[in-house]
Amino acid sequence: MFIVPSMFEPCGLTQMIAMRYGSVPVVRKTGGLNDSVFDFDDETIPMELRNGFTFLKADEQGFDSALERAFNYYHRKPEVWKQLVQKDMKIDFSWDTSASQYEDIYQRAAARARAAT
């Protein structure tokens, strides 16, 4: 596990590096952490995106709850934990992927703008 209980996190590269090397992130939902770590137990998020454990309030209860959930999977569901680790290691945070996604968004926006005129 890689624990990041930050009060403020403008970017957050550490969790991406940690996932690449097989550490499941346990983070406070703030800044770049909120943009890249999606809670494993949050049923409103598609399962393929869930990659760690998060907490909202910067207090002991929030932190303990997220950590306890992570430890429960680690100890009680080792196969699920192993699958999560393997999934996290395969996430591609590279600039090639990001640039390609931005290019796709731009192309769709440009096509909509042309169609509207």
PDB file of N, CA and C in Angstrom:
ATOM      1  N   MET A   1       0.832  -1.178   0.000  1.00  0.00           N
ATOM      2  CA  MET A   1       0.000   0.000   0.000  1.00  0.00           C
ATOM      3  C   MET A   1       0.878   1.243   0.000  1.00  0.00           C
ATOM      4  N   PHE A   2       0.341   2.272  -0.607  1.00  0.00           N
ATOM      5  CA  PHE A   2       1.017   3.562  -0.626  1.00  0.00           C
ATOM      6  C   PHE A   2       0.027   4.569  -0.052  1.00  0.00           C
ATOM      7  N   ILE A   3       0.363   5.155   1.082  1.00  0.00           N
ATOM      8  CA  ILE A   3      -0.567   6.013   1.808  1.00  0.00           C
ATOM      9  C   ILE A   3      -0.214   7.475   1.582  1.00  0.00           C
ATOM     10  N   VAL A   4      -1.215   8.250   1.118  1.00  0.00           N
ATOM     11  CA  VAL A   4      -1.020   9.678   0.853  1.00  0.00           C
ATOM     12  C   VAL A   4      -2.190  10.450   1.485  1.00  0.00           C
ATOM     13  N   PRO A   5      -2.057  10.819   2.759  1.00  0.00           N
ATOM     14  CA  PRO A   5      -3.141  11.536   3.432  1.00  0.00           C
ATOM     15  C   PRO A   5      -3.040  13.053   3.268  1.00  0.00           C
ATOM     16  N   SER A   6      -2.668  13.513   2.099  1.00  0.00           N
ATOM     17  CA  SER A   6      -2.402  14.939   1.858  1.00  0.00           C
ATOM     18  C   SER A   6      -3.605  15.825   2.136  1.00  0.00           C
ATOM     19  N   MET A   7      -3.306  16.992   2.688  1.00  0.00           N
ATOM     20  CA  MET A   7      -4.330  18.026   2.849  1.00  0.00           C
ATOM     21  C   MET A   7      -4.525  18.750   1.513  1.00  0.00           C
ATOM     22  N   PHE A   8      -3.454  18.828   0.724  1.00  0.00           N
ATOM     23  CA  PHE A   8      -3.446  19.561  -0.537  1.00  0.00           C
ATOM     24  C   PHE A   8      -2.502  18.828  -1.476  1.00  0.00           C
ATOM     25  N   GLU A   9      -2.914  18.619  -2.696  1.00  0.00           N
ATOM     26  CA  GLU A   9      -2.079  17.886  -3.658  1.00  0.00           C
ATOM     27  C   GLU A   9      -2.377  18.422  -5.058  1.00  0.00           C
ATOM     28  N   PRO A  10      -1.596  19.381  -5.538  1.00  0.00           N
ATOM     29  CA  PRO A  10      -1.907  20.010  -6.818  1.00  0.00           C
ATOM     30  C   PRO A  10      -1.791  19.071  -8.021  1.00  0.00           C
ATOM     31  N   CYS A  11      -0.944  18.086  -7.956  1.00  0.00           N
ATOM     32  CA  CYS A  11      -0.753  17.203  -9.110  1.00  0.00           C
ATOM     33  C   CYS A  11      -0.865  15.751  -8.694  1.00  0.00           C
ATOM     34  N   GLY A  12       0.063  15.294  -7.937  1.00  0.00           N
ATOM     35  CA  GLY A  12       0.027  13.935  -7.451  1.00  0.00           C
ATOM     36  C   GLY A  12       0.601  12.932  -8.420  1.00  0.00           C
ATOM     37  N   LEU A  13       1.902  12.862  -8.489  1.00  0.00           N
ATOM     38  CA  LEU A  13       2.558  11.848  -9.319  1.00  0.00           C
ATOM     39  C   LEU A  13       2.922  10.611  -8.516  1.00  0.00           C
ATOM     40  N   THR A  14       3.082  10.775  -7.215  1.00  0.00           N
ATOM     41  CA  THR A  14       3.570   9.666  -6.398  1.00  0.00           C
ATOM     42  C   THR A  14       2.654   8.452  -6.453  1.00  0.00           C
ATOM     43  N   GLN A  15       1.341   8.668  -6.456  1.00  0.00           N
ATOM     44  CA  GLN A  15       0.421   7.536  -6.492  1.00  0.00           C
ATOM     45  C   GLN A  15       0.500   6.812  -7.836  1.00  0.00           C
ATOM     46  N   MET A  16       0.753   7.545  -8.907  1.00  0.00           N
ATOM     47  CA  MET A  16       0.879   6.919 -10.224  1.00  0.00           C
ATOM     48  C   MET A  16       2.135   6.046 -10.280  1.00  0.00           C
ATOM     49  N   ILE A  17       3.219   6.554  -9.733  1.00  0.00           N
ATOM     50  CA  ILE A  17       4.465   5.784  -9.684  1.00  0.00           C
ATOM     51  C   ILE A  17       4.277   4.558  -8.797  1.00  0.00           C
ATOM     52  N   ALA A  18       3.630   4.744  -7.652  1.00  0.00           N
ATOM     53  CA  ALA A  18       3.405   3.629  -6.730  1.00  0.00           C
ATOM     54  C   ALA A  18       2.590   2.522  -7.390  1.00  0.00           C
ATOM     55  N   MET A  19       1.534   2.898  -8.106  1.00  0.00           N
ATOM     56  CA  MET A  19       0.704   1.886  -8.770  1.00  0.00           C
ATOM     57  C   MET A  19       1.509   1.118  -9.805  1.00  0.00           C
ATOM     58  N   ARG A  20       2.351   1.814 -10.522  1.00  0.00           N
ATOM     59  CA  ARG A  20       3.173   1.167 -11.545  1.00  0.00           C
ATOM     60  C   ARG A  20       4.040   0.057 -10.956  1.00  0.00           C
ATOM     61  N   TYR A  21       4.460   0.254  -9.699  1.00  0.00           N
ATOM     62  CA  TYR A  21       5.321  -0.721  -9.041  1.00  0.00           C
ATOM     63  C   TYR A  21       4.561  -1.663  -8.099  1.00  0.00           C
ATOM     64  N   GLY A  22       3.229  -1.655  -8.175  1.00  0.00           N
ATOM     65  CA  GLY A  22       2.441  -2.641  -7.450  1.00  0.00           C
ATOM     66  C   GLY A  22       1.914  -2.236  -6.092  1.00  0.00           C
ATOM     67  N   SER A  23       1.929  -0.954  -5.774  1.00  0.00           N
ATOM     68  CA  SER A  23       1.372  -0.491  -4.503  1.00  0.00           C
ATOM     69  C   SER A  23      -0.019   0.077  -4.731  1.00  0.00           C
ATOM     70  N   VAL A  24      -0.957  -0.380  -3.941  1.00  0.00           N
ATOM     71  CA  VAL A  24      -2.327   0.123  -4.028  1.00  0.00           C
ATOM     72  C   VAL A  24      -2.395   1.427  -3.231  1.00  0.00           C
ATOM     73  N   PRO A  25      -2.881   2.515  -3.851  1.00  0.00           N
ATOM     74  CA  PRO A  25      -2.932   3.788  -3.131  1.00  0.00           C
ATOM     75  C   PRO A  25      -4.104   3.886  -2.149  1.00  0.00           C
ATOM     76  N   VAL A  26      -3.825   4.476  -1.001  1.00  0.00           N
ATOM     77  CA  VAL A  26      -4.834   4.842  -0.007  1.00  0.00           C
ATOM     78  C   VAL A  26      -4.646   6.341   0.173  1.00  0.00           C
ATOM     79  N   VAL A  27      -5.589   7.126  -0.350  1.00  0.00           N
ATOM     80  CA  VAL A  27      -5.374   8.565  -0.450  1.00  0.00           C
ATOM     81  C   VAL A  27      -6.586   9.373   0.007  1.00  0.00           C
ATOM     82  N   ARG A  28      -6.300  10.608   0.391  1.00  0.00           N
ATOM     83  CA  ARG A  28      -7.370  11.565   0.653  1.00  0.00           C
ATOM     84  C   ARG A  28      -7.798  12.168  -0.683  1.00  0.00           C
ATOM     85  N   LYS A  29      -9.102  12.312  -0.869  1.00  0.00           N
ATOM     86  CA  LYS A  29      -9.635  12.833  -2.124  1.00  0.00           C
ATOM     87  C   LYS A  29      -9.388  14.339  -2.210  1.00  0.00           C
ATOM     88  N   THR A  30      -8.272  14.689  -2.837  1.00  0.00           N
ATOM     89  CA  THR A  30      -7.937  16.095  -3.040  1.00  0.00           C
ATOM     90  C   THR A  30      -7.045  16.223  -4.271  1.00  0.00           C
ATOM     91  N   GLY A  31      -7.205  17.302  -5.004  1.00  0.00           N
ATOM     92  CA  GLY A  31      -6.348  17.612  -6.140  1.00  0.00           C
ATOM     93  C   GLY A  31      -6.155  16.466  -7.108  1.00  0.00           C
ATOM     94  N   GLY A  32      -4.894  16.250  -7.492  1.00  0.00           N
ATOM     95  CA  GLY A  32      -4.560  15.217  -8.460  1.00  0.00           C
ATOM     96  C   GLY A  32      -4.821  13.811  -7.955  1.00  0.00           C
ATOM     97  N   LEU A  33      -4.834  13.632  -6.640  1.00  0.00           N
ATOM     98  CA  LEU A  33      -5.164  12.317  -6.080  1.00  0.00           C
ATOM     99  C   LEU A  33      -6.605  11.959  -6.432  1.00  0.00           C
ATOM    100  N   ASN A  34      -7.485  12.940  -6.330  1.00  0.00           N
ATOM    101  CA  ASN A  34      -8.901  12.734  -6.649  1.00  0.00           C
ATOM    102  C   ASN A  34      -9.107  12.470  -8.141  1.00  0.00           C
ATOM    103  N   ASP A  35      -8.187  12.934  -8.962  1.00  0.00           N
ATOM    104  CA  ASP A  35      -8.301  12.749 -10.413  1.00  0.00           C
ATOM    105  C   ASP A  35      -7.752  11.409 -10.891  1.00  0.00           C
ATOM    106  N   SER A  36      -6.998  10.721 -10.048  1.00  0.00           N
ATOM    107  CA  SER A  36      -6.335   9.502 -10.516  1.00  0.00           C
ATOM    108  C   SER A  36      -6.560   8.268  -9.658  1.00  0.00           C
ATOM    109  N   VAL A  37      -7.115   8.430  -8.466  1.00  0.00           N
ATOM    110  CA  VAL A  37      -7.401   7.276  -7.610  1.00  0.00           C
ATOM    111  C   VAL A  37      -8.905   7.224  -7.376  1.00  0.00           C
ATOM    112  N   PHE A  38      -9.487   6.084  -7.711  1.00  0.00           N
ATOM    113  CA  PHE A  38     -10.929   5.901  -7.620  1.00  0.00           C
ATOM    114  C   PHE A  38     -11.226   4.746  -6.674  1.00  0.00           C
ATOM    115  N   ASP A  39     -12.079   5.006  -5.698  1.00  0.00           N
ATOM    116  CA  ASP A  39     -12.297   4.082  -4.597  1.00  0.00           C
ATOM    117  C   ASP A  39     -12.829   2.728  -5.055  1.00  0.00           C
ATOM    118  N   PHE A  40     -12.199   1.684  -4.566  1.00  0.00           N
ATOM    119  CA  PHE A  40     -12.529   0.317  -4.944  1.00  0.00           C
ATOM    120  C   PHE A  40     -13.948  -0.068  -4.522  1.00  0.00           C
ATOM    121  N   ASP A  41     -14.463   0.534  -3.475  1.00  0.00           N
ATOM    122  CA  ASP A  41     -15.796   0.200  -2.975  1.00  0.00           C
ATOM    123  C   ASP A  41     -16.898   1.133  -3.476  1.00  0.00           C
ATOM    124  N   ASP A  42     -16.566   2.114  -4.286  1.00  0.00           N
ATOM    125  CA  ASP A  42     -17.557   3.084  -4.771  1.00  0.00           C
ATOM    126  C   ASP A  42     -18.302   2.513  -5.974  1.00  0.00           C
ATOM    127  N   GLU A  43     -19.524   2.084  -5.746  1.00  0.00           N
ATOM    128  CA  GLU A  43     -20.312   1.437  -6.794  1.00  0.00           C
ATOM    129  C   GLU A  43     -20.809   2.402  -7.868  1.00  0.00           C
ATOM    130  N   THR A  44     -20.611   3.705  -7.672  1.00  0.00           N
ATOM    131  CA  THR A  44     -20.994   4.667  -8.706  1.00  0.00           C
ATOM    132  C   THR A  44     -19.908   4.806  -9.774  1.00  0.00           C
ATOM    133  N   ILE A  45     -18.759   4.211  -9.523  1.00  0.00           N
ATOM    134  CA  ILE A  45     -17.624   4.267 -10.450  1.00  0.00           C
ATOM    135  C   ILE A  45     -17.517   2.918 -11.152  1.00  0.00           C
ATOM    136  N   PRO A  46     -17.347   2.908 -12.476  1.00  0.00           N
ATOM    137  CA  PRO A  46     -17.185   1.613 -13.166  1.00  0.00           C
ATOM    138  C   PRO A  46     -16.033   0.816 -12.567  1.00  0.00           C
ATOM    139  N   MET A  47     -16.233  -0.477 -12.430  1.00  0.00           N
ATOM    140  CA  MET A  47     -15.242  -1.347 -11.776  1.00  0.00           C
ATOM    141  C   MET A  47     -13.863  -1.246 -12.424  1.00  0.00           C
ATOM    142  N   GLU A  48     -13.807  -1.074 -13.743  1.00  0.00           N
ATOM    143  CA  GLU A  48     -12.506  -1.034 -14.405  1.00  0.00           C
ATOM    144  C   GLU A  48     -11.688   0.202 -14.018  1.00  0.00           C
ATOM    145  N   LEU A  49     -12.329   1.223 -13.453  1.00  0.00           N
ATOM    146  CA  LEU A  49     -11.614   2.429 -13.039  1.00  0.00           C
ATOM    147  C   LEU A  49     -11.197   2.405 -11.564  1.00  0.00           C
ATOM    148  N   ARG A  50     -11.805   1.567 -10.768  1.00  0.00           N
ATOM    149  CA  ARG A  50     -11.532   1.529  -9.326  1.00  0.00           C
ATOM    150  C   ARG A  50     -10.134   0.956  -9.090  1.00  0.00           C
ATOM    151  N   ASN A  51      -9.279   1.758  -8.465  1.00  0.00           N
ATOM    152  CA  ASN A  51      -7.875   1.371  -8.371  1.00  0.00           C
ATOM    153  C   ASN A  51      -7.221   1.620  -7.016  1.00  0.00           C
ATOM    154  N   GLY A  52      -7.993   1.986  -6.004  1.00  0.00           N
ATOM    155  CA  GLY A  52      -7.408   2.246  -4.695  1.00  0.00           C
ATOM    156  C   GLY A  52      -8.481   2.490  -3.662  1.00  0.00           C
ATOM    157  N   PHE A  53      -8.100   3.148  -2.583  1.00  0.00           N
ATOM    158  CA  PHE A  53      -9.020   3.437  -1.491  1.00  0.00           C
ATOM    159  C   PHE A  53      -8.884   4.912  -1.136  1.00  0.00           C
ATOM    160  N   THR A  54     -10.015   5.569  -0.982  1.00  0.00           N
ATOM    161  CA  THR A  54     -10.004   7.010  -0.740  1.00  0.00           C
ATOM    162  C   THR A  54     -10.803   7.359   0.509  1.00  0.00           C
ATOM    163  N   PHE A  55     -10.520   8.546   1.020  1.00  0.00           N
ATOM    164  CA  PHE A  55     -11.317   9.106   2.109  1.00  0.00           C
ATOM    165  C   PHE A  55     -11.419  10.603   1.895  1.00  0.00           C
ATOM    166  N   LEU A  56     -12.512  11.187   2.353  1.00  0.00           N
ATOM    167  CA  LEU A  56     -12.797  12.592   2.084  1.00  0.00           C
ATOM    168  C   LEU A  56     -12.332  13.526   3.196  1.00  0.00           C
ATOM    169  N   LYS A  57     -12.737  13.242   4.413  1.00  0.00           N
ATOM    170  CA  LYS A  57     -12.405  14.143   5.521  1.00  0.00           C
ATOM    171  C   LYS A  57     -10.970  13.916   5.993  1.00  0.00           C
ATOM    172  N   ALA A  58     -10.290  15.003   6.225  1.00  0.00           N
ATOM    173  CA  ALA A  58      -8.903  14.934   6.693  1.00  0.00           C
ATOM    174  C   ALA A  58      -8.888  14.761   8.211  1.00  0.00           C
ATOM    175  N   ASP A  59      -9.380  13.597   8.644  1.00  0.00           N
ATOM    176  CA  ASP A  59      -9.389  13.311  10.069  1.00  0.00           C
ATOM    177  C   ASP A  59      -9.073  11.836  10.297  1.00  0.00           C
ATOM    178  N   GLU A  60      -8.917  11.488  11.547  1.00  0.00           N
ATOM    179  CA  GLU A  60      -8.529  10.122  11.894  1.00  0.00           C
ATOM    180  C   GLU A  60      -9.559   9.093  11.445  1.00  0.00           C
ATOM    181  N   GLN A  61     -10.842   9.415  11.586  1.00  0.00           N
ATOM    182  CA  GLN A  61     -11.887   8.463  11.211  1.00  0.00           C
ATOM    183  C   GLN A  61     -11.874   8.164   9.716  1.00  0.00           C
ATOM    184  N   GLY A  62     -11.734   9.197   8.896  1.00  0.00           N
ATOM    185  CA  GLY A  62     -11.698   8.992   7.450  1.00  0.00           C
ATOM    186  C   GLY A  62     -10.501   8.153   7.037  1.00  0.00           C
ATOM    187  N   PHE A  63      -9.354   8.509   7.581  1.00  0.00           N
ATOM    188  CA  PHE A  63      -8.125   7.775   7.284  1.00  0.00           C
ATOM    189  C   PHE A  63      -8.232   6.317   7.729  1.00  0.00           C
ATOM    190  N   ASP A  64      -8.678   6.107   8.972  1.00  0.00           N
ATOM    191  CA  ASP A  64      -8.810   4.747   9.507  1.00  0.00           C
ATOM    192  C   ASP A  64      -9.766   3.900   8.681  1.00  0.00           C
ATOM    193  N   SER A  65     -10.869   4.494   8.265  1.00  0.00           N
ATOM    194  CA  SER A  65     -11.862   3.757   7.483  1.00  0.00           C
ATOM    195  C   SER A  65     -11.274   3.262   6.163  1.00  0.00           C
ATOM    196  N   ALA A  66     -10.586   4.132   5.441  1.00  0.00           N
ATOM    197  CA  ALA A  66      -9.989   3.738   4.162  1.00  0.00           C
ATOM    198  C   ALA A  66      -8.912   2.684   4.366  1.00  0.00           C
ATOM    199  N   LEU A  67      -8.091   2.857   5.371  1.00  0.00           N
ATOM    200  CA  LEU A  67      -7.020   1.906   5.649  1.00  0.00           C
ATOM    201  C   LEU A  67      -7.590   0.552   6.071  1.00  0.00           C
ATOM    202  N   GLU A  68      -8.620   0.576   6.888  1.00  0.00           N
ATOM    203  CA  GLU A  68      -9.250  -0.670   7.327  1.00  0.00           C
ATOM    204  C   GLU A  68      -9.862  -1.428   6.146  1.00  0.00           C
ATOM    205  N   ARG A  69     -10.516  -0.707   5.235  1.00  0.00           N
ATOM    206  CA  ARG A  69     -11.080  -1.360   4.049  1.00  0.00           C
ATOM    207  C   ARG A  69      -9.980  -1.998   3.203  1.00  0.00           C
ATOM    208  N   ALA A  70      -8.886  -1.284   3.035  1.00  0.00           N
ATOM    209  CA  ALA A  70      -7.767  -1.825   2.255  1.00  0.00           C
ATOM    210  C   ALA A  70      -7.201  -3.077   2.929  1.00  0.00           C
ATOM    211  N   PHE A  71      -6.979  -3.021   4.241  1.00  0.00           N
ATOM    212  CA  PHE A  71      -6.451  -4.183   4.953  1.00  0.00           C
ATOM    213  C   PHE A  71      -7.417  -5.367   4.900  1.00  0.00           C
ATOM    214  N   ASN A  72      -8.702  -5.088   4.928  1.00  0.00           N
ATOM    215  CA  ASN A  72      -9.684  -6.174   4.836  1.00  0.00           C
ATOM    216  C   ASN A  72      -9.544  -6.932   3.522  1.00  0.00           C
ATOM    217  N   TYR A  73      -9.385  -6.216   2.433  1.00  0.00           N
ATOM    218  CA  TYR A  73      -9.180  -6.906   1.147  1.00  0.00           C
ATOM    219  C   TYR A  73      -7.863  -7.672   1.159  1.00  0.00           C
ATOM    220  N   TYR A  74      -6.826  -7.052   1.656  1.00  0.00           N
ATOM    221  CA  TYR A  74      -5.509  -7.681   1.683  1.00  0.00           C
ATOM    222  C   TYR A  74      -5.531  -8.996   2.466  1.00  0.00           C
ATOM    223  N   HIS A  75      -6.181  -8.980   3.644  1.00  0.00           N
ATOM    224  CA  HIS A  75      -6.179 -10.161   4.511  1.00  0.00           C
ATOM    225  C   HIS A  75      -7.282 -11.161   4.187  1.00  0.00           C
ATOM    226  N   ARG A  76      -8.471 -10.666   3.873  1.00  0.00           N
ATOM    227  CA  ARG A  76      -9.627 -11.556   3.730  1.00  0.00           C
ATOM    228  C   ARG A  76      -9.950 -11.967   2.296  1.00  0.00           C
ATOM    229  N   LYS A  77      -9.466 -11.189   1.330  1.00  0.00           N
ATOM    230  CA  LYS A  77      -9.729 -11.495  -0.076  1.00  0.00           C
ATOM    231  C   LYS A  77      -8.436 -11.345  -0.878  1.00  0.00           C
ATOM    232  N   PRO A  78      -7.463 -12.199  -0.606  1.00  0.00           N
ATOM    233  CA  PRO A  78      -6.154 -12.036  -1.245  1.00  0.00           C
ATOM    234  C   PRO A  78      -6.194 -12.127  -2.773  1.00  0.00           C
ATOM    235  N   GLU A  79      -7.098 -12.896  -3.328  1.00  0.00           N
ATOM    236  CA  GLU A  79      -7.189 -12.987  -4.790  1.00  0.00           C
ATOM    237  C   GLU A  79      -7.705 -11.681  -5.389  1.00  0.00           C
ATOM    238  N   VAL A  80      -8.681 -11.067  -4.727  1.00  0.00           N
ATOM    239  CA  VAL A  80      -9.191  -9.765  -5.180  1.00  0.00           C
ATOM    240  C   VAL A  80      -8.079  -8.730  -5.071  1.00  0.00           C
ATOM    241  N   TRP A  81      -7.333  -8.771  -3.977  1.00  0.00           N
ATOM    242  CA  TRP A  81      -6.211  -7.843  -3.780  1.00  0.00           C
ATOM    243  C   TRP A  81      -5.173  -8.006  -4.887  1.00  0.00           C
ATOM    244  N   LYS A  82      -4.842  -9.247  -5.187  1.00  0.00           N
ATOM    245  CA  LYS A  82      -3.848  -9.526  -6.227  1.00  0.00           C
ATOM    246  C   LYS A  82      -4.315  -8.991  -7.578  1.00  0.00           C
ATOM    247  N   GLN A  83      -5.589  -9.165  -7.879  1.00  0.00           N
ATOM    248  CA  GLN A  83      -6.139  -8.647  -9.142  1.00  0.00           C
ATOM    249  C   GLN A  83      -6.069  -7.122  -9.172  1.00  0.00           C
ATOM    250  N   LEU A  84      -6.346  -6.484  -8.038  1.00  0.00           N
ATOM    251  CA  LEU A  84      -6.269  -5.023  -7.955  1.00  0.00           C
ATOM    252  C   LEU A  84      -4.833  -4.556  -8.194  1.00  0.00           C
ATOM    253  N   VAL A  85      -3.881  -5.209  -7.572  1.00  0.00           N
ATOM    254  CA  VAL A  85      -2.465  -4.851  -7.758  1.00  0.00           C
ATOM    255  C   VAL A  85      -2.082  -4.991  -9.225  1.00  0.00           C
ATOM    256  N   GLN A  86      -2.463  -6.105  -9.837  1.00  0.00           N
ATOM    257  CA  GLN A  86      -2.125  -6.333 -11.245  1.00  0.00           C
ATOM    258  C   GLN A  86      -2.786  -5.300 -12.153  1.00  0.00           C
ATOM    259  N   LYS A  87      -4.043  -4.962 -11.854  1.00  0.00           N
ATOM    260  CA  LYS A  87      -4.739  -3.943 -12.647  1.00  0.00           C
ATOM    261  C   LYS A  87      -4.039  -2.595 -12.517  1.00  0.00           C
ATOM    262  N   ASP A  88      -3.660  -2.233 -11.289  1.00  0.00           N
ATOM    263  CA  ASP A  88      -2.987  -0.950 -11.063  1.00  0.00           C
ATOM    264  C   ASP A  88      -1.656  -0.877 -11.809  1.00  0.00           C
ATOM    265  N   MET A  89      -0.943  -1.986 -11.870  1.00  0.00           N
ATOM    266  CA  MET A  89       0.355  -1.992 -12.550  1.00  0.00           C
ATOM    267  C   MET A  89       0.218  -1.801 -14.063  1.00  0.00           C
ATOM    268  N   LYS A  90      -0.962  -2.080 -14.592  1.00  0.00           N
ATOM    269  CA  LYS A  90      -1.187  -1.962 -16.041  1.00  0.00           C
ATOM    270  C   LYS A  90      -1.730  -0.603 -16.468  1.00  0.00           C
ATOM    271  N   ILE A  91      -2.111   0.238 -15.513  1.00  0.00           N
ATOM    272  CA  ILE A  91      -2.660   1.558 -15.864  1.00  0.00           C
ATOM    273  C   ILE A  91      -1.585   2.370 -16.575  1.00  0.00           C
ATOM    274  N   ASP A  92      -1.972   2.969 -17.676  1.00  0.00           N
ATOM    275  CA  ASP A  92      -1.030   3.744 -18.486  1.00  0.00           C
ATOM    276  C   ASP A  92      -1.239   5.235 -18.245  1.00  0.00           C
ATOM    277  N   PHE A  93      -0.359   5.836 -17.465  1.00  0.00           N
ATOM    278  CA  PHE A  93      -0.416   7.270 -17.197  1.00  0.00           C
ATOM    279  C   PHE A  93       0.555   8.036 -18.089  1.00  0.00           C
ATOM    280  N   SER A  94       1.032   7.413 -19.154  1.00  0.00           N
ATOM    281  CA  SER A  94       2.057   8.030 -19.995  1.00  0.00           C
ATOM    282  C   SER A  94       1.503   9.226 -20.763  1.00  0.00           C
ATOM    283  N   TRP A  95       2.410  10.095 -21.199  1.00  0.00           N
ATOM    284  CA  TRP A  95       2.022  11.253 -21.999  1.00  0.00           C
ATOM    285  C   TRP A  95       1.487  10.827 -23.355  1.00  0.00           C
ATOM    286  N   ASP A  96       1.973   9.705 -23.895  1.00  0.00           N
ATOM    287  CA  ASP A  96       1.453   9.234 -25.182  1.00  0.00           C
ATOM    288  C   ASP A  96      -0.046   8.988 -25.092  1.00  0.00           C
ATOM    289  N   THR A  97      -0.474   8.317 -24.039  1.00  0.00           N
ATOM    290  CA  THR A  97      -1.898   8.037 -23.854  1.00  0.00           C
ATOM    291  C   THR A  97      -2.678   9.318 -23.602  1.00  0.00           C
ATOM    292  N   SER A  98      -2.179  10.164 -22.717  1.00  0.00           N
ATOM    293  CA  SER A  98      -2.872  11.424 -22.409  1.00  0.00           C
ATOM    294  C   SER A  98      -2.989  12.313 -23.642  1.00  0.00           C
ATOM    295  N   ALA A  99      -1.904  12.451 -24.379  1.00  0.00           N
ATOM    296  CA  ALA A  99      -1.918  13.287 -25.590  1.00  0.00           C
ATOM    297  C   ALA A  99      -2.910  12.744 -26.605  1.00  0.00           C
ATOM    298  N   SER A 100      -2.965  11.450 -26.759  1.00  0.00           N
ATOM    299  CA  SER A 100      -3.907  10.830 -27.688  1.00  0.00           C
ATOM    300  C   SER A 100      -5.357  11.115 -27.261  1.00  0.00           C
ATOM    301  N   GLN A 101      -5.632  11.035 -25.977  1.00  0.00           N
ATOM    302  CA  GLN A 101      -6.984  11.330 -25.481  1.00  0.00           C
ATOM    303  C   GLN A 101      -7.342  12.796 -25.710  1.00  0.00           C
ATOM    304  N   TYR A 102      -6.398  13.700 -25.442  1.00  0.00           N
ATOM    305  CA  TYR A 102      -6.649  15.118 -25.695  1.00  0.00           C
ATOM    306  C   TYR A 102      -6.894  15.374 -27.178  1.00  0.00           C
ATOM    307  N   GLU A 103      -6.138  14.714 -28.024  1.00  0.00           N
ATOM    308  CA  GLU A 103      -6.309  14.880 -29.463  1.00  0.00           C
ATOM    309  C   GLU A 103      -7.698  14.400 -29.899  1.00  0.00           C
ATOM    310  N   ASP A 104      -8.149  13.283 -29.351  1.00  0.00           N
ATOM    311  CA  ASP A 104      -9.484  12.774 -29.667  1.00  0.00           C
ATOM    312  C   ASP A 104     -10.567  13.767 -29.245  1.00  0.00           C
ATOM    313  N   ILE A 105     -10.423  14.329 -28.058  1.00  0.00           N
ATOM    314  CA  ILE A 105     -11.387  15.316 -27.569  1.00  0.00           C
ATOM    315  C   ILE A 105     -11.404  16.535 -28.492  1.00  0.00           C
ATOM    316  N   TYR A 106     -10.227  17.008 -28.874  1.00  0.00           N
ATOM    317  CA  TYR A 106     -10.125  18.157 -29.768  1.00  0.00           C
ATOM    318  C   TYR A 106     -10.793  17.865 -31.107  1.00  0.00           C
ATOM    319  N   GLN A 107     -10.525  16.702 -31.673  1.00  0.00           N
ATOM    320  CA  GLN A 107     -11.101  16.344 -32.969  1.00  0.00           C
ATOM    321  C   GLN A 107     -12.628  16.285 -32.896  1.00  0.00           C
ATOM    322  N   ARG A 108     -13.171  15.723 -31.829  1.00  0.00           N
ATOM    323  CA  ARG A 108     -14.639  15.669 -31.671  1.00  0.00           C
ATOM    324  C   ARG A 108     -15.228  17.064 -31.514  1.00  0.00           C
ATOM    325  N   ALA A 109     -14.557  17.911 -30.734  1.00  0.00           N
ATOM    326  CA  ALA A 109     -15.038  19.283 -30.539  1.00  0.00           C
ATOM    327  C   ALA A 109     -14.993  20.059 -31.850  1.00  0.00           C
ATOM    328  N   ALA A 110     -13.919  19.900 -32.601  1.00  0.00           N
ATOM    329  CA  ALA A 110     -13.800  20.589 -33.893  1.00  0.00           C
ATOM    330  C   ALA A 110     -14.876  20.101 -34.861  1.00  0.00           C
ATOM    331  N   ALA A 111     -15.141  18.811 -34.878  1.00  0.00           N
ATOM    332  CA  ALA A 111     -16.181  18.262 -35.768  1.00  0.00           C
ATOM    333  C   ALA A 111     -17.552  18.798 -35.378  1.00  0.00           C
ATOM    334  N   ARG A 112     -17.841  18.909 -34.091  1.00  0.00           N
ATOM    335  CA  ARG A 112     -19.123  19.477 -33.645  1.00  0.00           C
ATOM    336  C   ARG A 112     -19.229  20.944 -34.026  1.00  0.00           C
ATOM    337  N   ALA A 113     -18.144  21.665 -33.890  1.00  0.00           N
ATOM    338  CA  ALA A 113     -18.152  23.085 -34.254  1.00  0.00           C
ATOM    339  C   ALA A 113     -18.387  23.254 -35.745  1.00  0.00           C
ATOM    340  N   ARG A 114     -17.764  22.435 -36.572  1.00  0.00           N
ATOM    341  CA  ARG A 114     -17.976  22.515 -38.028  1.00  0.00           C
ATOM    342  C   ARG A 114     -19.418  22.149 -38.372  1.00  0.00           C
ATOM    343  N   ALA A 115     -19.962  21.150 -37.698  1.00  0.00           N
ATOM    344  CA  ALA A 115     -21.332  20.714 -37.975  1.00  0.00           C
ATOM    345  C   ALA A 115     -22.351  21.768 -37.557  1.00  0.00           C
ATOM    346  N   ALA A 116     -22.027  22.573 -36.562  1.00  0.00           N
ATOM    347  CA  ALA A 116     -22.957  23.593 -36.071  1.00  0.00           C
ATOM    348  C   ALA A 116     -22.997  24.822 -36.962  1.00  0.00           C
ATOM    349  N   THR A 117     -22.017  24.980 -37.857  1.00  0.00           N
ATOM    350  CA  THR A 117     -21.994  26.198 -38.691  1.00  0.00           C
ATOM    351  C   THR A 117     -22.634  25.957 -40.034  1.00  0.00           C
TER     352      THR A 117
END
